[in-house]
Amino acid sequence: MQQDPFIVTVIREPTPQTTVADIIIGALGLTGVLFLVAVLLGGVLALLLALWHRHRPPEADHLPSVSPFTPDPNAPPTTPAP
């Protein structure tokens, strides 16, 4: 069984092909958008951390020192031995 070949007639002109410059411009645009999103999210996180530490200072989370080399700030002052 022999088939006849298909004949395709182009009605419209073909669209221009994508060039390397189009790809680079598109990549730079996407990179710019991702950069702006990262900067905005970083700013929001920094603001949230600043507000968190303003209401709950990190020093309040620390346990008192038990090191013999670090004086306890709550201990009464001692006089040096003669």
PDB file of N, CA and C in Angstrom:
ATOM      1  N   MET A   1       0.840  -1.166   0.000  1.00  0.00           N
ATOM      2  CA  MET A   1       0.000   0.000   0.000  1.00  0.00           C
ATOM      3  C   MET A   1       0.891   1.236   0.000  1.00  0.00           C
ATOM      4  N   GLN A   2       0.750   2.018  -1.041  1.00  0.00           N
ATOM      5  CA  GLN A   2       1.586   3.201  -1.196  1.00  0.00           C
ATOM      6  C   GLN A   2       0.783   4.429  -0.798  1.00  0.00           C
ATOM      7  N   GLN A   3       1.458   5.332   0.003  1.00  0.00           N
ATOM      8  CA  GLN A   3       0.773   6.549   0.449  1.00  0.00           C
ATOM      9  C   GLN A   3       1.305   7.727  -0.343  1.00  0.00           C
ATOM     10  N   ASP A   4       0.398   8.653  -0.595  1.00  0.00           N
ATOM     11  CA  ASP A   4       0.816   9.880  -1.278  1.00  0.00           C
ATOM     12  C   ASP A   4       1.473  10.805  -0.272  1.00  0.00           C
ATOM     13  N   PRO A   5       2.461  11.622  -0.674  1.00  0.00           N
ATOM     14  CA  PRO A   5       3.110  12.545   0.253  1.00  0.00           C
ATOM     15  C   PRO A   5       2.172  13.672   0.658  1.00  0.00           C
ATOM     16  N   PHE A   6       2.426  14.182   1.887  1.00  0.00           N
ATOM     17  CA  PHE A   6       1.646  15.314   2.372  1.00  0.00           C
ATOM     18  C   PHE A   6       2.245  16.592   1.814  1.00  0.00           C
ATOM     19  N   ILE A   7       1.425  17.489   1.401  1.00  0.00           N
ATOM     20  CA  ILE A   7       1.885  18.796   0.932  1.00  0.00           C
ATOM     21  C   ILE A   7       1.317  19.838   1.890  1.00  0.00           C
ATOM     22  N   VAL A   8       2.202  20.629   2.494  1.00  0.00           N
ATOM     23  CA  VAL A   8       1.805  21.640   3.462  1.00  0.00           C
ATOM     24  C   VAL A   8       1.993  23.001   2.819  1.00  0.00           C
ATOM     25  N   THR A   9       0.957  23.816   2.866  1.00  0.00           N
ATOM     26  CA  THR A   9       1.031  25.174   2.342  1.00  0.00           C
ATOM     27  C   THR A   9       1.045  26.138   3.517  1.00  0.00           C
ATOM     28  N   VAL A  10       2.085  26.995   3.588  1.00  0.00           N
ATOM     29  CA  VAL A  10       2.206  27.968   4.670  1.00  0.00           C
ATOM     30  C   VAL A  10       1.377  29.188   4.292  1.00  0.00           C
ATOM     31  N   ILE A  11       0.406  29.502   5.150  1.00  0.00           N
ATOM     32  CA  ILE A  11      -0.476  30.626   4.853  1.00  0.00           C
ATOM     33  C   ILE A  11       0.113  31.919   5.425  1.00  0.00           C
ATOM     34  N   ARG A  12       0.570  31.869   6.664  1.00  0.00           N
ATOM     35  CA  ARG A  12       1.164  33.051   7.301  1.00  0.00           C
ATOM     36  C   ARG A  12       2.668  32.980   7.204  1.00  0.00           C
ATOM     37  N   GLU A  13       3.269  34.146   7.343  1.00  0.00           N
ATOM     38  CA  GLU A  13       4.725  34.174   7.374  1.00  0.00           C
ATOM     39  C   GLU A  13       5.189  33.623   8.716  1.00  0.00           C
ATOM     40  N   PRO A  14       6.304  32.945   8.745  1.00  0.00           N
ATOM     41  CA  PRO A  14       6.782  32.418  10.025  1.00  0.00           C
ATOM     42  C   PRO A  14       7.188  33.552  10.965  1.00  0.00           C
ATOM     43  N   THR A  15       6.999  33.300  12.241  1.00  0.00           N
ATOM     44  CA  THR A  15       7.377  34.306  13.241  1.00  0.00           C
ATOM     45  C   THR A  15       8.897  34.349  13.344  1.00  0.00           C
ATOM     46  N   PRO A  16       9.438  35.499  13.749  1.00  0.00           N
ATOM     47  CA  PRO A  16      10.893  35.563  13.873  1.00  0.00           C
ATOM     48  C   PRO A  16      11.381  34.628  14.980  1.00  0.00           C
ATOM     49  N   GLN A  17      12.529  34.077  14.800  1.00  0.00           N
ATOM     50  CA  GLN A  17      13.062  33.127  15.765  1.00  0.00           C
ATOM     51  C   GLN A  17      13.591  33.855  16.993  1.00  0.00           C
ATOM     52  N   THR A  18      13.611  33.136  18.085  1.00  0.00           N
ATOM     53  CA  THR A  18      14.154  33.679  19.325  1.00  0.00           C
ATOM     54  C   THR A  18      15.666  33.732  19.203  1.00  0.00           C
ATOM     55  N   THR A  19      16.220  34.902  19.524  1.00  0.00           N
ATOM     56  CA  THR A  19      17.675  35.060  19.429  1.00  0.00           C
ATOM     57  C   THR A  19      18.301  34.931  20.815  1.00  0.00           C
ATOM     58  N   VAL A  20      19.609  34.900  20.836  1.00  0.00           N
ATOM     59  CA  VAL A  20      20.342  34.813  22.094  1.00  0.00           C
ATOM     60  C   VAL A  20      20.079  36.065  22.920  1.00  0.00           C
ATOM     61  N   ALA A  21      19.971  37.207  22.274  1.00  0.00           N
ATOM     62  CA  ALA A  21      19.702  38.457  22.993  1.00  0.00           C
ATOM     63  C   ALA A  21      18.342  38.396  23.691  1.00  0.00           C
ATOM     64  N   ASP A  22      17.345  37.809  23.063  1.00  0.00           N
ATOM     65  CA  ASP A  22      16.028  37.667  23.694  1.00  0.00           C
ATOM     66  C   ASP A  22      16.116  36.796  24.948  1.00  0.00           C
ATOM     67  N   ILE A  23      16.889  35.747  24.886  1.00  0.00           N
ATOM     68  CA  ILE A  23      17.031  34.856  26.038  1.00  0.00           C
ATOM     69  C   ILE A  23      17.758  35.572  27.176  1.00  0.00           C
ATOM     70  N   ILE A  24      18.813  36.318  26.844  1.00  0.00           N
ATOM     71  CA  ILE A  24      19.569  37.030  27.884  1.00  0.00           C
ATOM     72  C   ILE A  24      18.716  38.110  28.530  1.00  0.00           C
ATOM     73  N   ILE A  25      17.963  38.860  27.734  1.00  0.00           N
ATOM     74  CA  ILE A  25      17.097  39.906  28.294  1.00  0.00           C
ATOM     75  C   ILE A  25      16.024  39.287  29.185  1.00  0.00           C
ATOM     76  N   GLY A  26      15.461  38.169  28.756  1.00  0.00           N
ATOM     77  CA  GLY A  26      14.463  37.487  29.583  1.00  0.00           C
ATOM     78  C   GLY A  26      15.063  36.970  30.880  1.00  0.00           C
ATOM     79  N   ALA A  27      16.277  36.444  30.822  1.00  0.00           N
ATOM     80  CA  ALA A  27      16.932  35.929  32.029  1.00  0.00           C
ATOM     81  C   ALA A  27      17.257  37.063  32.986  1.00  0.00           C
ATOM     82  N   LEU A  28      17.714  38.195  32.443  1.00  0.00           N
ATOM     83  CA  LEU A  28      18.006  39.343  33.302  1.00  0.00           C
ATOM     84  C   LEU A  28      16.732  39.875  33.955  1.00  0.00           C
ATOM     85  N   GLY A  29      15.649  39.859  33.218  1.00  0.00           N
ATOM     86  CA  GLY A  29      14.377  40.293  33.799  1.00  0.00           C
ATOM     87  C   GLY A  29      13.942  39.377  34.928  1.00  0.00           C
ATOM     88  N   LEU A  30      14.052  38.084  34.722  1.00  0.00           N
ATOM     89  CA  LEU A  30      13.691  37.116  35.764  1.00  0.00           C
ATOM     90  C   LEU A  30      14.619  37.247  36.958  1.00  0.00           C
ATOM     91  N   THR A  31      15.913  37.451  36.701  1.00  0.00           N
ATOM     92  CA  THR A  31      16.872  37.623  37.789  1.00  0.00           C
ATOM     93  C   THR A  31      16.545  38.879  38.589  1.00  0.00           C
ATOM     94  N   GLY A  32      16.175  39.943  37.905  1.00  0.00           N
ATOM     95  CA  GLY A  32      15.814  41.177  38.594  1.00  0.00           C
ATOM     96  C   GLY A  32      14.600  41.007  39.487  1.00  0.00           C
ATOM     97  N   VAL A  33      13.617  40.297  39.001  1.00  0.00           N
ATOM     98  CA  VAL A  33      12.409  40.055  39.801  1.00  0.00           C
ATOM     99  C   VAL A  33      12.747  39.206  41.028  1.00  0.00           C
ATOM    100  N   LEU A  34      13.534  38.159  40.840  1.00  0.00           N
ATOM    101  CA  LEU A  34      13.919  37.318  41.976  1.00  0.00           C
ATOM    102  C   LEU A  34      14.766  38.094  42.980  1.00  0.00           C
ATOM    103  N   PHE A  35      15.631  38.984  42.492  1.00  0.00           N
ATOM    104  CA  PHE A  35      16.444  39.807  43.383  1.00  0.00           C
ATOM    105  C   PHE A  35      15.556  40.740  44.209  1.00  0.00           C
ATOM    106  N   LEU A  36      14.588  41.385  43.571  1.00  0.00           N
ATOM    107  CA  LEU A  36      13.693  42.279  44.314  1.00  0.00           C
ATOM    108  C   LEU A  36      12.871  41.518  45.346  1.00  0.00           C
ATOM    109  N   VAL A  37      12.409  40.344  45.004  1.00  0.00           N
ATOM    110  CA  VAL A  37      11.649  39.533  45.967  1.00  0.00           C
ATOM    111  C   VAL A  37      12.530  39.149  47.149  1.00  0.00           C
ATOM    112  N   ALA A  38      13.789  38.774  46.876  1.00  0.00           N
ATOM    113  CA  ALA A  38      14.702  38.398  47.963  1.00  0.00           C
ATOM    114  C   ALA A  38      14.996  39.588  48.865  1.00  0.00           C
ATOM    115  N   VAL A  39      15.190  40.770  48.283  1.00  0.00           N
ATOM    116  CA  VAL A  39      15.463  41.970  49.083  1.00  0.00           C
ATOM    117  C   VAL A  39      14.253  42.321  49.941  1.00  0.00           C
ATOM    118  N   LEU A  40      13.062  42.249  49.370  1.00  0.00           N
ATOM    119  CA  LEU A  40      11.855  42.564  50.138  1.00  0.00           C
ATOM    120  C   LEU A  40      11.638  41.557  51.269  1.00  0.00           C
ATOM    121  N   LEU A  41      11.809  40.279  50.985  1.00  0.00           N
ATOM    122  CA  LEU A  41      11.635  39.278  52.041  1.00  0.00           C
ATOM    123  C   LEU A  41      12.708  39.416  53.124  1.00  0.00           C
ATOM    124  N   GLY A  42      13.936  39.758  52.733  1.00  0.00           N
ATOM    125  CA  GLY A  42      14.986  39.989  53.715  1.00  0.00           C
ATOM    126  C   GLY A  42      14.671  41.187  54.594  1.00  0.00           C
ATOM    127  N   GLY A  43      14.132  42.245  54.001  1.00  0.00           N
ATOM    128  CA  GLY A  43      13.750  43.424  54.786  1.00  0.00           C
ATOM    129  C   GLY A  43      12.625  43.115  55.759  1.00  0.00           C
ATOM    130  N   VAL A  44      11.646  42.351  55.315  1.00  0.00           N
ATOM    131  CA  VAL A  44      10.539  41.983  56.203  1.00  0.00           C
ATOM    132  C   VAL A  44      11.050  41.121  57.350  1.00  0.00           C
ATOM    133  N   LEU A  45      11.936  40.171  57.052  1.00  0.00           N
ATOM    134  CA  LEU A  45      12.489  39.321  58.107  1.00  0.00           C
ATOM    135  C   LEU A  45      13.319  40.148  59.088  1.00  0.00           C
ATOM    136  N   ALA A  46      14.114  41.089  58.578  1.00  0.00           N
ATOM    137  CA  ALA A  46      14.909  41.949  59.461  1.00  0.00           C
ATOM    138  C   ALA A  46      14.008  42.786  60.361  1.00  0.00           C
ATOM    139  N   LEU A  47      12.930  43.309  59.813  1.00  0.00           N
ATOM    140  CA  LEU A  47      11.986  44.098  60.613  1.00  0.00           C
ATOM    141  C   LEU A  47      11.339  43.236  61.697  1.00  0.00           C
ATOM    142  N   LEU A  48      10.932  42.027  61.325  1.00  0.00           N
ATOM    143  CA  LEU A  48      10.314  41.140  62.312  1.00  0.00           C
ATOM    144  C   LEU A  48      11.297  40.766  63.420  1.00  0.00           C
ATOM    145  N   LEU A  49      12.555  40.493  63.057  1.00  0.00           N
ATOM    146  CA  LEU A  49      13.549  40.164  64.087  1.00  0.00           C
ATOM    147  C   LEU A  49      13.837  41.361  64.981  1.00  0.00           C
ATOM    148  N   ALA A  50      13.889  42.555  64.416  1.00  0.00           N
ATOM    149  CA  ALA A  50      14.130  43.751  65.227  1.00  0.00           C
ATOM    150  C   ALA A  50      12.982  43.977  66.203  1.00  0.00           C
ATOM    151  N   LEU A  51      11.756  43.806  65.740  1.00  0.00           N
ATOM    152  CA  LEU A  51      10.609  43.968  66.637  1.00  0.00           C
ATOM    153  C   LEU A  51      10.593  42.882  67.711  1.00  0.00           C
ATOM    154  N   TRP A  52      10.935  41.665  67.323  1.00  0.00           N
ATOM    155  CA  TRP A  52      10.969  40.558  68.288  1.00  0.00           C
ATOM    156  C   TRP A  52      11.991  40.837  69.380  1.00  0.00           C
ATOM    157  N   HIS A  53      13.194  41.276  68.998  1.00  0.00           N
ATOM    158  CA  HIS A  53      14.246  41.517  69.982  1.00  0.00           C
ATOM    159  C   HIS A  53      13.994  42.786  70.782  1.00  0.00           C
ATOM    160  N   ARG A  54      13.219  43.700  70.267  1.00  0.00           N
ATOM    161  CA  ARG A  54      12.878  44.897  71.038  1.00  0.00           C
ATOM    162  C   ARG A  54      11.945  44.536  72.188  1.00  0.00           C
ATOM    163  N   HIS A  55      11.012  43.623  71.948  1.00  0.00           N
ATOM    164  CA  HIS A  55      10.064  43.227  72.991  1.00  0.00           C
ATOM    165  C   HIS A  55      10.598  42.113  73.877  1.00  0.00           C
ATOM    166  N   ARG A  56      11.530  41.352  73.373  1.00  0.00           N
ATOM    167  CA  ARG A  56      12.094  40.231  74.130  1.00  0.00           C
ATOM    168  C   ARG A  56      13.594  40.208  73.895  1.00  0.00           C
ATOM    169  N   PRO A  57      14.347  40.976  74.657  1.00  0.00           N
ATOM    170  CA  PRO A  57      15.797  41.063  74.419  1.00  0.00           C
ATOM    171  C   PRO A  57      16.468  39.702  74.558  1.00  0.00           C
ATOM    172  N   PRO A  58      17.506  39.467  73.750  1.00  0.00           N
ATOM    173  CA  PRO A  58      18.166  38.158  73.829  1.00  0.00           C
ATOM    174  C   PRO A  58      18.884  37.934  75.153  1.00  0.00           C
ATOM    175  N   GLU A  59      19.229  39.002  75.877  1.00  0.00           N
ATOM    176  CA  GLU A  59      19.904  38.829  77.163  1.00  0.00           C
ATOM    177  C   GLU A  59      18.999  38.166  78.192  1.00  0.00           C
ATOM    178  N   ALA A  60      17.694  38.297  78.038  1.00  0.00           N
ATOM    179  CA  ALA A  60      16.762  37.691  78.983  1.00  0.00           C
ATOM    180  C   ALA A  60      16.740  36.166  78.842  1.00  0.00           C
ATOM    181  N   ASP A  61      17.228  35.649  77.744  1.00  0.00           N
ATOM    182  CA  ASP A  61      17.208  34.213  77.516  1.00  0.00           C
ATOM    183  C   ASP A  61      18.417  33.494  78.101  1.00  0.00           C
ATOM    184  N   HIS A  62      19.449  34.229  78.481  1.00  0.00           N
ATOM    185  CA  HIS A  62      20.692  33.602  78.929  1.00  0.00           C
ATOM    186  C   HIS A  62      20.611  33.207  80.405  1.00  0.00           C
ATOM    187  N   LEU A  63      21.193  32.076  80.705  1.00  0.00           N
ATOM    188  CA  LEU A  63      21.302  31.643  82.088  1.00  0.00           C
ATOM    189  C   LEU A  63      22.478  32.367  82.739  1.00  0.00           C
ATOM    190  N   PRO A  64      22.489  32.477  84.055  1.00  0.00           N
ATOM    191  CA  PRO A  64      23.629  33.133  84.707  1.00  0.00           C
ATOM    192  C   PRO A  64      24.906  32.331  84.497  1.00  0.00           C
ATOM    193  N   SER A  65      26.010  33.024  84.497  1.00  0.00           N
ATOM    194  CA  SER A  65      27.297  32.388  84.267  1.00  0.00           C
ATOM    195  C   SER A  65      27.694  31.553  85.488  1.00  0.00           C
ATOM    196  N   VAL A  66      28.263  30.383  85.243  1.00  0.00           N
ATOM    197  CA  VAL A  66      28.762  29.533  86.322  1.00  0.00           C
ATOM    198  C   VAL A  66      30.272  29.400  86.234  1.00  0.00           C
ATOM    199  N   SER A  67      30.886  30.189  85.376  1.00  0.00           N
ATOM    200  CA  SER A  67      32.329  30.135  85.211  1.00  0.00           C
ATOM    201  C   SER A  67      33.011  30.827  86.390  1.00  0.00           C
ATOM    202  N   PRO A  68      34.085  30.255  86.924  1.00  0.00           N
ATOM    203  CA  PRO A  68      34.795  30.920  88.026  1.00  0.00           C
ATOM    204  C   PRO A  68      35.565  32.154  87.530  1.00  0.00           C
ATOM    205  N   PHE A  69      35.756  32.277  86.237  1.00  0.00           N
ATOM    206  CA  PHE A  69      36.506  33.407  85.699  1.00  0.00           C
ATOM    207  C   PHE A  69      35.627  34.602  85.341  1.00  0.00           C
ATOM    208  N   THR A  70      34.322  34.380  85.265  1.00  0.00           N
ATOM    209  CA  THR A  70      33.390  35.460  84.942  1.00  0.00           C
ATOM    210  C   THR A  70      32.631  35.819  86.203  1.00  0.00           C
ATOM    211  N   PRO A  71      32.749  37.049  86.675  1.00  0.00           N
ATOM    212  CA  PRO A  71      32.033  37.401  87.900  1.00  0.00           C
ATOM    213  C   PRO A  71      30.530  37.452  87.653  1.00  0.00           C
ATOM    214  N   ASP A  72      29.800  37.077  88.676  1.00  0.00           N
ATOM    215  CA  ASP A  72      28.339  37.106  88.623  1.00  0.00           C
ATOM    216  C   ASP A  72      27.888  38.542  88.855  1.00  0.00           C
ATOM    217  N   PRO A  73      27.138  39.139  87.957  1.00  0.00           N
ATOM    218  CA  PRO A  73      26.714  40.525  88.141  1.00  0.00           C
ATOM    219  C   PRO A  73      25.725  40.691  89.294  1.00  0.00           C
ATOM    220  N   ASN A  74      25.082  39.605  89.738  1.00  0.00           N
ATOM    221  CA  ASN A  74      24.107  39.695  90.851  1.00  0.00           C
ATOM    222  C   ASN A  74      24.762  39.446  92.199  1.00  0.00           C
ATOM    223  N   ALA A  75      26.009  39.025  92.223  1.00  0.00           N
ATOM    224  CA  ALA A  75      26.677  38.728  93.499  1.00  0.00           C
ATOM    225  C   ALA A  75      27.083  40.028  94.181  1.00  0.00           C
ATOM    226  N   PRO A  76      27.059  40.022  95.544  1.00  0.00           N
ATOM    227  CA  PRO A  76      27.484  41.231  96.257  1.00  0.00           C
ATOM    228  C   PRO A  76      28.986  41.453  96.056  1.00  0.00           C
ATOM    229  N   PRO A  77      29.417  42.697  96.090  1.00  0.00           N
ATOM    230  CA  PRO A  77      30.850  42.958  95.894  1.00  0.00           C
ATOM    231  C   PRO A  77      31.677  42.345  97.023  1.00  0.00           C
ATOM    232  N   THR A  78      32.831  41.852  96.692  1.00  0.00           N
ATOM    233  CA  THR A  78      33.733  41.242  97.677  1.00  0.00           C
ATOM    234  C   THR A  78      34.962  42.117  97.806  1.00  0.00           C
ATOM    235  N   THR A  79      35.538  42.059  98.977  1.00  0.00           N
ATOM    236  CA  THR A  79      36.779  42.814  99.217  1.00  0.00           C
ATOM    237  C   THR A  79      37.955  41.888  98.979  1.00  0.00           C
ATOM    238  N   PRO A  80      39.000  42.380  98.384  1.00  0.00           N
ATOM    239  CA  PRO A  80      40.143  41.499  98.140  1.00  0.00           C
ATOM    240  C   PRO A  80      40.808  41.072  99.432  1.00  0.00           C
ATOM    241  N   ALA A  81      41.327  39.884  99.457  1.00  0.00           N
ATOM    242  CA  ALA A  81      42.010  39.354 100.666  1.00  0.00           C
ATOM    243  C   ALA A  81      43.331  40.084 100.856  1.00  0.00           C
ATOM    244  N   PRO A  82      43.668  40.394 102.162  1.00  0.00           N
ATOM    245  CA  PRO A  82      44.936  41.107 102.416  1.00  0.00           C
ATOM    246  C   PRO A  82      46.153  40.263 102.232  1.00  0.00           C
TER     247      PRO A  82
END
